[in-house]
């Protein structure tokens, strides 16, 4: 299963974990989601930037409105330029964007890869 193969509408977001246990070597973000009743971890590796506009206070499950992968997000150029001297140009950098129904939260993770694993 790949990120882009999932019908994201009305799936559940149940957790967010930012891993900085080894800064610069392991910069990853995990999203725990429930897809068609099965728990899955989305592991974003080689994260260079994250924009987590999370809203709280709604007493309801956090369902996902949509999730897409963007290669043309406006922030990608800025990230590539920022890191060009140290890391090269990061040509494979992608924006993984999720928007939620319940709180209208917007999550944008700028990473080189995303792996899906069953819990």
PDB file of N, CA and C in Angstrom:
ATOM      1  N   UNK A   1       0.837  -1.172   0.000  1.00  0.00           N
ATOM      2  CA  UNK A   1       0.000   0.000   0.000  1.00  0.00           C
ATOM      3  C   UNK A   1       0.890   1.246   0.000  1.00  0.00           C
ATOM      4  N   UNK A   2       0.509   2.210  -0.819  1.00  0.00           N
ATOM      5  CA  UNK A   2       1.249   3.460  -0.899  1.00  0.00           C
ATOM      6  C   UNK A   2       0.337   4.611  -0.479  1.00  0.00           C
ATOM      7  N   UNK A   3       0.935   5.696  -0.028  1.00  0.00           N
ATOM      8  CA  UNK A   3       0.208   6.878   0.426  1.00  0.00           C
ATOM      9  C   UNK A   3      -0.845   7.295  -0.602  1.00  0.00           C
ATOM     10  N   UNK A   4      -0.429   7.380  -1.852  1.00  0.00           N
ATOM     11  CA  UNK A   4      -1.315   7.894  -2.896  1.00  0.00           C
ATOM     12  C   UNK A   4      -2.407   6.909  -3.307  1.00  0.00           C
ATOM     13  N   UNK A   5      -2.345   5.674  -2.843  1.00  0.00           N
ATOM     14  CA  UNK A   5      -3.358   4.675  -3.185  1.00  0.00           C
ATOM     15  C   UNK A   5      -4.531   4.648  -2.202  1.00  0.00           C
ATOM     16  N   UNK A   6      -4.414   5.371  -1.110  1.00  0.00           N
ATOM     17  CA  UNK A   6      -5.428   5.319  -0.055  1.00  0.00           C
ATOM     18  C   UNK A   6      -6.545   6.321  -0.336  1.00  0.00           C
ATOM     19  N   UNK A   7      -7.788   5.884  -0.136  1.00  0.00           N
ATOM     20  CA  UNK A   7      -8.929   6.801  -0.172  1.00  0.00           C
ATOM     21  C   UNK A   7      -9.003   7.430   1.223  1.00  0.00           C
ATOM     22  N   UNK A   8      -8.446   8.604   1.370  1.00  0.00           N
ATOM     23  CA  UNK A   8      -8.245   9.222   2.673  1.00  0.00           C
ATOM     24  C   UNK A   8      -9.518   9.785   3.308  1.00  0.00           C
ATOM     25  N   UNK A   9     -10.508  10.118   2.508  1.00  0.00           N
ATOM     26  CA  UNK A   9     -11.691  10.792   3.053  1.00  0.00           C
ATOM     27  C   UNK A   9     -12.369   9.949   4.132  1.00  0.00           C
ATOM     28  N   UNK A  10     -12.544  10.559   5.288  1.00  0.00           N
ATOM     29  CA  UNK A  10     -13.199   9.971   6.467  1.00  0.00           C
ATOM     30  C   UNK A  10     -12.400   8.871   7.158  1.00  0.00           C
ATOM     31  N   UNK A  11     -11.105   8.719   6.828  1.00  0.00           N
ATOM     32  CA  UNK A  11     -10.247   7.845   7.624  1.00  0.00           C
ATOM     33  C   UNK A  11      -9.885   8.611   8.907  1.00  0.00           C
ATOM     34  N   UNK A  12      -9.327   7.954   9.894  1.00  0.00           N
ATOM     35  CA  UNK A  12      -9.097   8.565  11.209  1.00  0.00           C
ATOM     36  C   UNK A  12      -7.626   8.872  11.475  1.00  0.00           C
ATOM     37  N   UNK A  13      -7.358  10.055  11.995  1.00  0.00           N
ATOM     38  CA  UNK A  13      -6.039  10.431  12.505  1.00  0.00           C
ATOM     39  C   UNK A  13      -6.095  10.278  14.016  1.00  0.00           C
ATOM     40  N   UNK A  14      -5.216   9.432  14.573  1.00  0.00           N
ATOM     41  CA  UNK A  14      -5.282   9.174  16.014  1.00  0.00           C
ATOM     42  C   UNK A  14      -4.006   9.538  16.770  1.00  0.00           C
ATOM     43  N   UNK A  15      -2.941   9.909  16.072  1.00  0.00           N
ATOM     44  CA  UNK A  15      -1.725  10.267  16.796  1.00  0.00           C
ATOM     45  C   UNK A  15      -0.674  10.911  15.921  1.00  0.00           C
ATOM     46  N   UNK A  16       0.137  11.751  16.557  1.00  0.00           N
ATOM     47  CA  UNK A  16       1.267  12.418  15.902  1.00  0.00           C
ATOM     48  C   UNK A  16       2.471  12.276  16.813  1.00  0.00           C
ATOM     49  N   UNK A  17       3.616  11.838  16.252  1.00  0.00           N
ATOM     50  CA  UNK A  17       4.836  11.696  17.029  1.00  0.00           C
ATOM     51  C   UNK A  17       6.006  12.289  16.236  1.00  0.00           C
ATOM     52  N   UNK A  18       6.723  13.209  16.863  1.00  0.00           N
ATOM     53  CA  UNK A  18       7.906  13.802  16.247  1.00  0.00           C
ATOM     54  C   UNK A  18       9.125  13.177  16.896  1.00  0.00           C
ATOM     55  N   UNK A  19      10.001  12.574  16.082  1.00  0.00           N
ATOM     56  CA  UNK A  19      11.167  11.885  16.599  1.00  0.00           C
ATOM     57  C   UNK A  19      12.426  12.698  16.314  1.00  0.00           C
ATOM     58  N   UNK A  20      13.029  13.218  17.380  1.00  0.00           N
ATOM     59  CA  UNK A  20      14.295  13.957  17.274  1.00  0.00           C
ATOM     60  C   UNK A  20      15.307  13.340  18.226  1.00  0.00           C
ATOM     61  N   UNK A  21      15.276  12.020  18.371  1.00  0.00           N
ATOM     62  CA  UNK A  21      16.187  11.354  19.295  1.00  0.00           C
ATOM     63  C   UNK A  21      17.627  11.405  18.826  1.00  0.00           C
ATOM     64  N   UNK A  22      17.845  11.569  17.542  1.00  0.00           N
ATOM     65  CA  UNK A  22      19.191  11.667  16.975  1.00  0.00           C
ATOM     66  C   UNK A  22      19.172  12.793  15.937  1.00  0.00           C
ATOM     67  N   UNK A  23      19.129  14.047  16.399  1.00  0.00           N
ATOM     68  CA  UNK A  23      18.939  15.200  15.509  1.00  0.00           C
ATOM     69  C   UNK A  23      19.894  15.207  14.322  1.00  0.00           C
ATOM     70  N   UNK A  24      19.299  15.456  13.148  1.00  0.00           N
ATOM     71  CA  UNK A  24      20.079  15.498  11.925  1.00  0.00           C
ATOM     72  C   UNK A  24      20.267  14.144  11.276  1.00  0.00           C
ATOM     73  N   UNK A  25      20.199  13.077  12.075  1.00  0.00           N
ATOM     74  CA  UNK A  25      20.326  11.717  11.548  1.00  0.00           C
ATOM     75  C   UNK A  25      18.993  10.996  11.500  1.00  0.00           C
ATOM     76  N   UNK A  26      18.129  11.332  12.431  1.00  0.00           N
ATOM     77  CA  UNK A  26      16.797  10.742  12.462  1.00  0.00           C
ATOM     78  C   UNK A  26      15.791  11.839  12.731  1.00  0.00           C
ATOM     79  N   UNK A  27      15.419  12.544  11.701  1.00  0.00           N
ATOM     80  CA  UNK A  27      14.389  13.570  11.793  1.00  0.00           C
ATOM     81  C   UNK A  27      13.150  13.003  11.117  1.00  0.00           C
ATOM     82  N   UNK A  28      12.265  12.446  11.924  1.00  0.00           N
ATOM     83  CA  UNK A  28      11.105  11.777  11.350  1.00  0.00           C
ATOM     84  C   UNK A  28       9.834  12.164  12.095  1.00  0.00           C
ATOM     85  N   UNK A  29       8.736  11.990  11.412  1.00  0.00           N
ATOM     86  CA  UNK A  29       7.417  12.221  11.987  1.00  0.00           C
ATOM     87  C   UNK A  29       6.574  10.992  11.695  1.00  0.00           C
ATOM     88  N   UNK A  30       5.865  10.531  12.723  1.00  0.00           N
ATOM     89  CA  UNK A  30       4.946   9.415  12.564  1.00  0.00           C
ATOM     90  C   UNK A  30       3.520   9.912  12.765  1.00  0.00           C
ATOM     91  N   UNK A  31       2.658   9.547  11.851  1.00  0.00           N
ATOM     92  CA  UNK A  31       1.232   9.771  12.027  1.00  0.00           C
ATOM     93  C   UNK A  31       0.577   8.409  12.178  1.00  0.00           C
ATOM     94  N   UNK A  32      -0.189   8.248  13.238  1.00  0.00           N
ATOM     95  CA  UNK A  32      -0.925   7.000  13.438  1.00  0.00           C
ATOM     96  C   UNK A  32      -2.337   7.243  12.911  1.00  0.00           C
ATOM     97  N   UNK A  33      -2.743   6.407  11.969  1.00  0.00           N
ATOM     98  CA  UNK A  33      -4.052   6.553  11.340  1.00  0.00           C
ATOM     99  C   UNK A  33      -4.779   5.219  11.361  1.00  0.00           C
ATOM    100  N   UNK A  34      -6.086   5.292  11.225  1.00  0.00           N
ATOM    101  CA  UNK A  34      -6.894   4.089  11.079  1.00  0.00           C
ATOM    102  C   UNK A  34      -7.506   4.147   9.682  1.00  0.00           C
ATOM    103  N   UNK A  35      -7.112   3.187   8.854  1.00  0.00           N
ATOM    104  CA  UNK A  35      -7.568   3.102   7.476  1.00  0.00           C
ATOM    105  C   UNK A  35      -8.469   1.883   7.349  1.00  0.00           C
ATOM    106  N   UNK A  36      -9.717   2.110   7.070  1.00  0.00           N
ATOM    107  CA  UNK A  36     -10.691   1.010   6.930  1.00  0.00           C
ATOM    108  C   UNK A  36     -10.623   0.049   8.111  1.00  0.00           C
ATOM    109  N   UNK A  37     -10.517   0.613   9.318  1.00  0.00           N
ATOM    110  CA  UNK A  37     -10.509  -0.190  10.541  1.00  0.00           C
ATOM    111  C   UNK A  37      -9.170  -0.760  10.950  1.00  0.00           C
ATOM    112  N   UNK A  38      -8.110  -0.542  10.159  1.00  0.00           N
ATOM    113  CA  UNK A  38      -6.786  -1.085  10.480  1.00  0.00           C
ATOM    114  C   UNK A  38      -5.828   0.042  10.850  1.00  0.00           C
ATOM    115  N   UNK A  39      -5.112  -0.125  11.978  1.00  0.00           N
ATOM    116  CA  UNK A  39      -4.140   0.884  12.404  1.00  0.00           C
ATOM    117  C   UNK A  39      -2.884   0.815  11.541  1.00  0.00           C
ATOM    118  N   UNK A  40      -2.465   1.975  11.082  1.00  0.00           N
ATOM    119  CA  UNK A  40      -1.293   2.088  10.226  1.00  0.00           C
ATOM    120  C   UNK A  40      -0.445   3.254  10.724  1.00  0.00           C
ATOM    121  N   UNK A  41       0.864   3.081  10.646  1.00  0.00           N
ATOM    122  CA  UNK A  41       1.799   4.168  10.940  1.00  0.00           C
ATOM    123  C   UNK A  41       2.326   4.709   9.618  1.00  0.00           C
ATOM    124  N   UNK A  42       2.198   6.024   9.445  1.00  0.00           N
ATOM    125  CA  UNK A  42       2.845   6.705   8.324  1.00  0.00           C
ATOM    126  C   UNK A  42       4.154   7.244   8.870  1.00  0.00           C
ATOM    127  N   UNK A  43       5.261   6.751   8.377  1.00  0.00           N
ATOM    128  CA  UNK A  43       6.573   7.187   8.837  1.00  0.00           C
ATOM    129  C   UNK A  43       7.197   8.079   7.765  1.00  0.00           C
ATOM    130  N   UNK A  44       7.302   9.358   8.079  1.00  0.00           N
ATOM    131  CA  UNK A  44       7.932  10.318   7.184  1.00  0.00           C
ATOM    132  C   UNK A  44       9.387  10.439   7.603  1.00  0.00           C
ATOM    133  N   UNK A  45      10.284  10.077   6.693  1.00  0.00           N
ATOM    134  CA  UNK A  45      11.715  10.093   6.998  1.00  0.00           C
ATOM    135  C   UNK A  45      12.396  11.218   6.234  1.00  0.00           C
ATOM    136  N   UNK A  46      13.552  11.628   6.749  1.00  0.00           N
ATOM    137  CA  UNK A  46      14.289  12.741   6.167  1.00  0.00           C
ATOM    138  C   UNK A  46      13.381  13.960   6.038  1.00  0.00           C
ATOM    139  N   UNK A  47      12.795  14.340   7.159  1.00  0.00           N
ATOM    140  CA  UNK A  47      11.915  15.509   7.208  1.00  0.00           C
ATOM    141  C   UNK A  47      12.783  16.762   7.293  1.00  0.00           C
ATOM    142  N   UNK A  48      12.489  17.718   6.429  1.00  0.00           N
ATOM    143  CA  UNK A  48      13.234  18.975   6.415  1.00  0.00           C
ATOM    144  C   UNK A  48      12.416  20.139   6.951  1.00  0.00           C
ATOM    145  N   UNK A  49      11.091  19.991   6.981  1.00  0.00           N
ATOM    146  CA  UNK A  49      10.238  21.054   7.499  1.00  0.00           C
ATOM    147  C   UNK A  49       8.854  20.466   7.744  1.00  0.00           C
ATOM    148  N   UNK A  50       8.176  20.977   8.742  1.00  0.00           N
ATOM    149  CA  UNK A  50       6.796  20.567   8.995  1.00  0.00           C
ATOM    150  C   UNK A  50       5.993  21.785   9.431  1.00  0.00           C
ATOM    151  N   UNK A  51       4.808  21.883   8.911  1.00  0.00           N
ATOM    152  CA  UNK A  51       3.876  22.950   9.273  1.00  0.00           C
ATOM    153  C   UNK A  51       2.647  22.261   9.837  1.00  0.00           C
ATOM    154  N   UNK A  52       2.514  22.296  11.157  1.00  0.00           N
ATOM    155  CA  UNK A  52       1.434  21.589  11.841  1.00  0.00           C
ATOM    156  C   UNK A  52       0.464  22.617  12.403  1.00  0.00           C
ATOM    157  N   UNK A  53      -0.574  22.892  11.670  1.00  0.00           N
ATOM    158  CA  UNK A  53      -1.607  23.843  12.111  1.00  0.00           C
ATOM    159  C   UNK A  53      -2.740  23.029  12.705  1.00  0.00           C
ATOM    160  N   UNK A  54      -2.554  22.688  13.979  1.00  0.00           N
ATOM    161  CA  UNK A  54      -3.483  21.794  14.658  1.00  0.00           C
ATOM    162  C   UNK A  54      -4.449  22.592  15.521  1.00  0.00           C
ATOM    163  N   UNK A  55      -5.714  22.281  15.377  1.00  0.00           N
ATOM    164  CA  UNK A  55      -6.763  22.901  16.177  1.00  0.00           C
ATOM    165  C   UNK A  55      -7.295  21.856  17.149  1.00  0.00           C
ATOM    166  N   UNK A  56      -7.688  22.308  18.330  1.00  0.00           N
ATOM    167  CA  UNK A  56      -8.135  21.385  19.370  1.00  0.00           C
ATOM    168  C   UNK A  56      -9.463  21.869  19.955  1.00  0.00           C
ATOM    169  N   UNK A  57     -10.051  21.074  20.821  1.00  0.00           N
ATOM    170  CA  UNK A  57     -11.239  21.471  21.555  1.00  0.00           C
ATOM    171  C   UNK A  57     -12.534  20.870  21.047  1.00  0.00           C
ATOM    172  N   UNK A  58     -12.499  20.158  19.944  1.00  0.00           N
ATOM    173  CA  UNK A  58     -13.702  19.528  19.407  1.00  0.00           C
ATOM    174  C   UNK A  58     -13.795  18.111  19.969  1.00  0.00           C
ATOM    175  N   UNK A  59     -14.929  17.779  20.518  1.00  0.00           N
ATOM    176  CA  UNK A  59     -15.113  16.444  21.096  1.00  0.00           C
ATOM    177  C   UNK A  59     -15.673  15.536  20.001  1.00  0.00           C
ATOM    178  N   UNK A  60     -14.755  15.011  19.199  1.00  0.00           N
ATOM    179  CA  UNK A  60     -15.114  14.122  18.091  1.00  0.00           C
ATOM    180  C   UNK A  60     -13.847  13.452  17.589  1.00  0.00           C
ATOM    181  N   UNK A  61     -14.001  12.300  16.955  1.00  0.00           N
ATOM    182  CA  UNK A  61     -12.851  11.668  16.317  1.00  0.00           C
ATOM    183  C   UNK A  61     -12.321  12.593  15.239  1.00  0.00           C
ATOM    184  N   UNK A  62     -11.009  12.546  15.033  1.00  0.00           N
ATOM    185  CA  UNK A  62     -10.382  13.397  14.017  1.00  0.00           C
ATOM    186  C   UNK A  62     -10.366  12.656  12.700  1.00  0.00           C
ATOM    187  N   UNK A  63     -11.329  12.933  11.846  1.00  0.00           N
ATOM    188  CA  UNK A  63     -11.358  12.280  10.538  1.00  0.00           C
ATOM    189  C   UNK A  63     -10.631  13.143   9.514  1.00  0.00           C
ATOM    190  N   UNK A  64     -10.143  12.487   8.490  1.00  0.00           N
ATOM    191  CA  UNK A  64      -9.351  13.157   7.463  1.00  0.00           C
ATOM    192  C   UNK A  64     -10.264  13.555   6.315  1.00  0.00           C
ATOM    193  N   UNK A  65     -10.147  14.799   5.893  1.00  0.00           N
ATOM    194  CA  UNK A  65     -10.899  15.288   4.746  1.00  0.00           C
ATOM    195  C   UNK A  65     -10.208  14.857   3.458  1.00  0.00           C
ATOM    196  N   UNK A  66      -8.900  15.144   3.386  1.00  0.00           N
ATOM    197  CA  UNK A  66      -8.117  14.739   2.219  1.00  0.00           C
ATOM    198  C   UNK A  66      -6.657  14.621   2.600  1.00  0.00           C
ATOM    199  N   UNK A  67      -5.910  13.894   1.786  1.00  0.00           N
ATOM    200  CA  UNK A  67      -4.460  13.796   1.920  1.00  0.00           C
ATOM    201  C   UNK A  67      -3.884  13.671   0.515  1.00  0.00           C
ATOM    202  N   UNK A  68      -2.882  14.490   0.232  1.00  0.00           N
ATOM    203  CA  UNK A  68      -2.271  14.497  -1.102  1.00  0.00           C
ATOM    204  C   UNK A  68      -0.759  14.632  -0.981  1.00  0.00           C
ATOM    205  N   UNK A  69      -0.077  14.274  -2.058  1.00  0.00           N
ATOM    206  CA  UNK A  69       1.356  14.508  -2.177  1.00  0.00           C
ATOM    207  C   UNK A  69       1.539  15.590  -3.223  1.00  0.00           C
ATOM    208  N   UNK A  70       2.292  16.620  -2.852  1.00  0.00           N
ATOM    209  CA  UNK A  70       2.536  17.723  -3.781  1.00  0.00           C
ATOM    210  C   UNK A  70       4.028  17.834  -4.082  1.00  0.00           C
ATOM    211  N   UNK A  71       4.341  17.994  -5.337  1.00  0.00           N
ATOM    212  CA  UNK A  71       5.731  18.257  -5.718  1.00  0.00           C
ATOM    213  C   UNK A  71       5.913  19.723  -6.106  1.00  0.00           C
ATOM    214  N   UNK A  72       4.805  20.472  -6.123  1.00  0.00           N
ATOM    215  CA  UNK A  72       4.850  21.867  -6.549  1.00  0.00           C
ATOM    216  C   UNK A  72       4.392  22.844  -5.463  1.00  0.00           C
ATOM    217  N   UNK A  73       4.387  22.412  -4.215  1.00  0.00           N
ATOM    218  CA  UNK A  73       4.015  23.302  -3.122  1.00  0.00           C
ATOM    219  C   UNK A  73       4.982  24.481  -3.070  1.00  0.00           C
ATOM    220  N   UNK A  74       4.471  25.669  -2.808  1.00  0.00           N
ATOM    221  CA  UNK A  74       5.295  26.885  -2.838  1.00  0.00           C
ATOM    222  C   UNK A  74       6.434  26.875  -1.822  1.00  0.00           C
ATOM    223  N   UNK A  75       6.287  26.141  -0.747  1.00  0.00           N
ATOM    224  CA  UNK A  75       7.317  26.103   0.293  1.00  0.00           C
ATOM    225  C   UNK A  75       8.518  25.246  -0.116  1.00  0.00           C
ATOM    226  N   UNK A  76       8.334  24.332  -1.053  1.00  0.00           N
ATOM    227  CA  UNK A  76       9.428  23.435  -1.461  1.00  0.00           C
ATOM    228  C   UNK A  76      10.632  24.210  -1.969  1.00  0.00           C
ATOM    229  N   UNK A  77      10.410  25.205  -2.820  1.00  0.00           N
ATOM    230  CA  UNK A  77      11.537  26.003  -3.337  1.00  0.00           C
ATOM    231  C   UNK A  77      12.317  26.664  -2.213  1.00  0.00           C
ATOM    232  N   UNK A  78      11.611  27.224  -1.250  1.00  0.00           N
ATOM    233  CA  UNK A  78      12.280  27.901  -0.125  1.00  0.00           C
ATOM    234  C   UNK A  78      13.112  26.914   0.685  1.00  0.00           C
ATOM    235  N   UNK A  79      12.593  25.723   0.920  1.00  0.00           N
ATOM    236  CA  UNK A  79      13.336  24.698   1.675  1.00  0.00           C
ATOM    237  C   UNK A  79      14.552  24.245   0.890  1.00  0.00           C
ATOM    238  N   UNK A  80      14.377  24.012  -0.401  1.00  0.00           N
ATOM    239  CA  UNK A  80      15.496  23.592  -1.238  1.00  0.00           C
ATOM    240  C   UNK A  80      16.595  24.653  -1.256  1.00  0.00           C
ATOM    241  N   UNK A  81      16.211  25.908  -1.362  1.00  0.00           N
ATOM    242  CA  UNK A  81      17.208  26.981  -1.364  1.00  0.00           C
ATOM    243  C   UNK A  81      17.930  27.084  -0.021  1.00  0.00           C
ATOM    244  N   UNK A  82      17.194  26.917   1.052  1.00  0.00           N
ATOM    245  CA  UNK A  82      17.785  26.993   2.396  1.00  0.00           C
ATOM    246  C   UNK A  82      18.840  25.909   2.603  1.00  0.00           C
ATOM    247  N   UNK A  83      18.567  24.710   2.106  1.00  0.00           N
ATOM    248  CA  UNK A  83      19.438  23.563   2.342  1.00  0.00           C
ATOM    249  C   UNK A  83      20.418  23.295   1.213  1.00  0.00           C
ATOM    250  N   UNK A  84      20.398  24.081   0.148  1.00  0.00           N
ATOM    251  CA  UNK A  84      21.203  23.775  -1.039  1.00  0.00           C
ATOM    252  C   UNK A  84      22.704  23.724  -0.756  1.00  0.00           C
ATOM    253  N   UNK A  85      23.205  24.581   0.110  1.00  0.00           N
ATOM    254  CA  UNK A  85      24.647  24.587   0.401  1.00  0.00           C
ATOM    255  C   UNK A  85      25.071  23.360   1.210  1.00  0.00           C
ATOM    256  N   UNK A  86      24.238  22.925   2.126  1.00  0.00           N
ATOM    257  CA  UNK A  86      24.615  21.837   3.025  1.00  0.00           C
ATOM    258  C   UNK A  86      24.234  20.451   2.500  1.00  0.00           C
ATOM    259  N   UNK A  87      23.072  20.330   1.900  1.00  0.00           N
ATOM    260  CA  UNK A  87      22.531  19.016   1.559  1.00  0.00           C
ATOM    261  C   UNK A  87      22.387  18.780   0.058  1.00  0.00           C
ATOM    262  N   UNK A  88      22.809  19.715  -0.761  1.00  0.00           N
ATOM    263  CA  UNK A  88      22.489  19.599  -2.178  1.00  0.00           C
ATOM    264  C   UNK A  88      21.123  20.209  -2.406  1.00  0.00           C
ATOM    265  N   UNK A  89      20.545  19.976  -3.539  1.00  0.00           N
ATOM    266  CA  UNK A  89      19.316  20.689  -3.881  1.00  0.00           C
ATOM    267  C   UNK A  89      18.035  19.997  -3.422  1.00  0.00           C
ATOM    268  N   UNK A  90      18.076  18.790  -2.910  1.00  0.00           N
ATOM    269  CA  UNK A  90      16.892  18.061  -2.441  1.00  0.00           C
ATOM    270  C   UNK A  90      15.824  17.952  -3.526  1.00  0.00           C
ATOM    271  N   UNK A  91      16.223  17.486  -4.698  1.00  0.00           N
ATOM    272  CA  UNK A  91      15.311  17.392  -5.838  1.00  0.00           C
ATOM    273  C   UNK A  91      14.100  16.497  -5.578  1.00  0.00           C
ATOM    274  N   UNK A  92      14.230  15.543  -4.663  1.00  0.00           N
ATOM    275  CA  UNK A  92      13.150  14.593  -4.409  1.00  0.00           C
ATOM    276  C   UNK A  92      12.235  15.009  -3.256  1.00  0.00           C
ATOM    277  N   UNK A  93      12.391  16.234  -2.755  1.00  0.00           N
ATOM    278  CA  UNK A  93      11.579  16.699  -1.632  1.00  0.00           C
ATOM    279  C   UNK A  93      10.117  16.812  -2.046  1.00  0.00           C
ATOM    280  N   UNK A  94       9.228  16.283  -1.187  1.00  0.00           N
ATOM    281  CA  UNK A  94       7.795  16.301  -1.435  1.00  0.00           C
ATOM    282  C   UNK A  94       7.059  16.925  -0.259  1.00  0.00           C
ATOM    283  N   UNK A  95       5.882  17.422  -0.526  1.00  0.00           N
ATOM    284  CA  UNK A  95       5.001  17.911   0.531  1.00  0.00           C
ATOM    285  C   UNK A  95       3.856  16.918   0.679  1.00  0.00           C
ATOM    286  N   UNK A  96       3.735  16.340   1.865  1.00  0.00           N
ATOM    287  CA  UNK A  96       2.637  15.452   2.195  1.00  0.00           C
ATOM    288  C   UNK A  96       1.635  16.283   2.994  1.00  0.00           C
ATOM    289  N   UNK A  97       0.470  16.502   2.434  1.00  0.00           N
ATOM    290  CA  UNK A  97      -0.504  17.413   3.035  1.00  0.00           C
ATOM    291  C   UNK A  97      -1.757  16.661   3.445  1.00  0.00           C
ATOM    292  N   UNK A  98      -2.168  16.851   4.705  1.00  0.00           N
ATOM    293  CA  UNK A  98      -3.400  16.260   5.215  1.00  0.00           C
ATOM    294  C   UNK A  98      -4.250  17.365   5.827  1.00  0.00           C
ATOM    295  N   UNK A  99      -5.547  17.303   5.559  1.00  0.00           N
ATOM    296  CA  UNK A  99      -6.495  18.237   6.155  1.00  0.00           C
ATOM    297  C   UNK A  99      -7.564  17.420   6.860  1.00  0.00           C
ATOM    298  N   UNK A 100      -7.979  17.865   8.036  1.00  0.00           N
ATOM    299  CA  UNK A 100      -8.952  17.097   8.804  1.00  0.00           C
ATOM    300  C   UNK A 100     -10.331  17.747   8.767  1.00  0.00           C
ATOM    301  N   UNK A 101     -11.342  16.895   8.932  1.00  0.00           N
ATOM    302  CA  UNK A 101     -12.735  17.362   8.946  1.00  0.00           C
ATOM    303  C   UNK A 101     -13.118  17.976  10.277  1.00  0.00           C
ATOM    304  N   UNK A 102     -12.820  17.267  11.362  1.00  0.00           N
ATOM    305  CA  UNK A 102     -13.363  17.625  12.668  1.00  0.00           C
ATOM    306  C   UNK A 102     -12.874  18.973  13.163  1.00  0.00           C
ATOM    307  N   UNK A 103     -11.588  19.260  13.027  1.00  0.00           N
ATOM    308  CA  UNK A 103     -11.033  20.517  13.544  1.00  0.00           C
ATOM    309  C   UNK A 103     -10.472  21.412  12.448  1.00  0.00           C
ATOM    310  N   UNK A 104     -10.579  20.989  11.194  1.00  0.00           N
ATOM    311  CA  UNK A 104     -10.000  21.724  10.065  1.00  0.00           C
ATOM    312  C   UNK A 104      -8.518  22.006  10.298  1.00  0.00           C
ATOM    313  N   UNK A 105      -7.813  21.022  10.832  1.00  0.00           N
ATOM    314  CA  UNK A 105      -6.368  21.124  11.013  1.00  0.00           C
ATOM    315  C   UNK A 105      -5.682  20.849   9.683  1.00  0.00           C
ATOM    316  N   UNK A 106      -4.534  21.487   9.486  1.00  0.00           N
ATOM    317  CA  UNK A 106      -3.762  21.296   8.263  1.00  0.00           C
ATOM    318  C   UNK A 106      -2.355  20.863   8.646  1.00  0.00           C
ATOM    319  N   UNK A 107      -1.938  19.723   8.119  1.00  0.00           N
ATOM    320  CA  UNK A 107      -0.612  19.175   8.376  1.00  0.00           C
ATOM    321  C   UNK A 107       0.132  19.118   7.052  1.00  0.00           C
ATOM    322  N   UNK A 108       1.294  19.765   7.013  1.00  0.00           N
ATOM    323  CA  UNK A 108       2.155  19.690   5.839  1.00  0.00           C
ATOM    324  C   UNK A 108       3.524  19.207   6.298  1.00  0.00           C
ATOM    325  N   UNK A 109       3.948  18.081   5.761  1.00  0.00           N
ATOM    326  CA  UNK A 109       5.237  17.504   6.109  1.00  0.00           C
ATOM    327  C   UNK A 109       6.085  17.469   4.842  1.00  0.00           C
ATOM    328  N   UNK A 110       7.238  18.116   4.910  1.00  0.00           N
ATOM    329  CA  UNK A 110       8.153  18.187   3.770  1.00  0.00           C
ATOM    330  C   UNK A 110       9.273  17.182   4.011  1.00  0.00           C
ATOM    331  N   UNK A 111       9.213  16.093   3.264  1.00  0.00           N
ATOM    332  CA  UNK A 111      10.121  14.970   3.516  1.00  0.00           C
ATOM    333  C   UNK A 111      10.515  14.313   2.205  1.00  0.00           C
ATOM    334  N   UNK A 112      11.552  13.485   2.293  1.00  0.00           N
ATOM    335  CA  UNK A 112      12.000  12.744   1.115  1.00  0.00           C
ATOM    336  C   UNK A 112      11.232  11.445   0.911  1.00  0.00           C
ATOM    337  N   UNK A 113      10.623  10.925   1.987  1.00  0.00           N
ATOM    338  CA  UNK A 113       9.906   9.652   1.828  1.00  0.00           C
ATOM    339  C   UNK A 113       8.838   9.471   2.885  1.00  0.00           C
ATOM    340  N   UNK A 114       7.934   8.547   2.596  1.00  0.00           N
ATOM    341  CA  UNK A 114       6.888   8.146   3.534  1.00  0.00           C
ATOM    342  C   UNK A 114       6.699   6.636   3.399  1.00  0.00           C
ATOM    343  N   UNK A 115       6.782   5.941   4.532  1.00  0.00           N
ATOM    344  CA  UNK A 115       6.555   4.495   4.559  1.00  0.00           C
ATOM    345  C   UNK A 115       5.299   4.215   5.365  1.00  0.00           C
ATOM    346  N   UNK A 116       4.528   3.241   4.926  1.00  0.00           N
ATOM    347  CA  UNK A 116       3.327   2.816   5.635  1.00  0.00           C
ATOM    348  C   UNK A 116       3.570   1.441   6.222  1.00  0.00           C
ATOM    349  N   UNK A 117       3.305   1.304   7.517  1.00  0.00           N
ATOM    350  CA  UNK A 117       3.457   0.004   8.160  1.00  0.00           C
ATOM    351  C   UNK A 117       2.226  -0.279   9.008  1.00  0.00           C
ATOM    352  N   UNK A 118       1.817  -1.548   9.033  1.00  0.00           N
ATOM    353  CA  UNK A 118       0.681  -1.961   9.861  1.00  0.00           C
ATOM    354  C   UNK A 118       1.143  -2.075  11.306  1.00  0.00           C
ATOM    355  N   UNK A 119       0.279  -1.675  12.224  1.00  0.00           N
ATOM    356  CA  UNK A 119       0.593  -1.742  13.648  1.00  0.00           C
ATOM    357  C   UNK A 119       0.335  -3.142  14.138  1.00  0.00           C
TER     358      UNK A 119
END
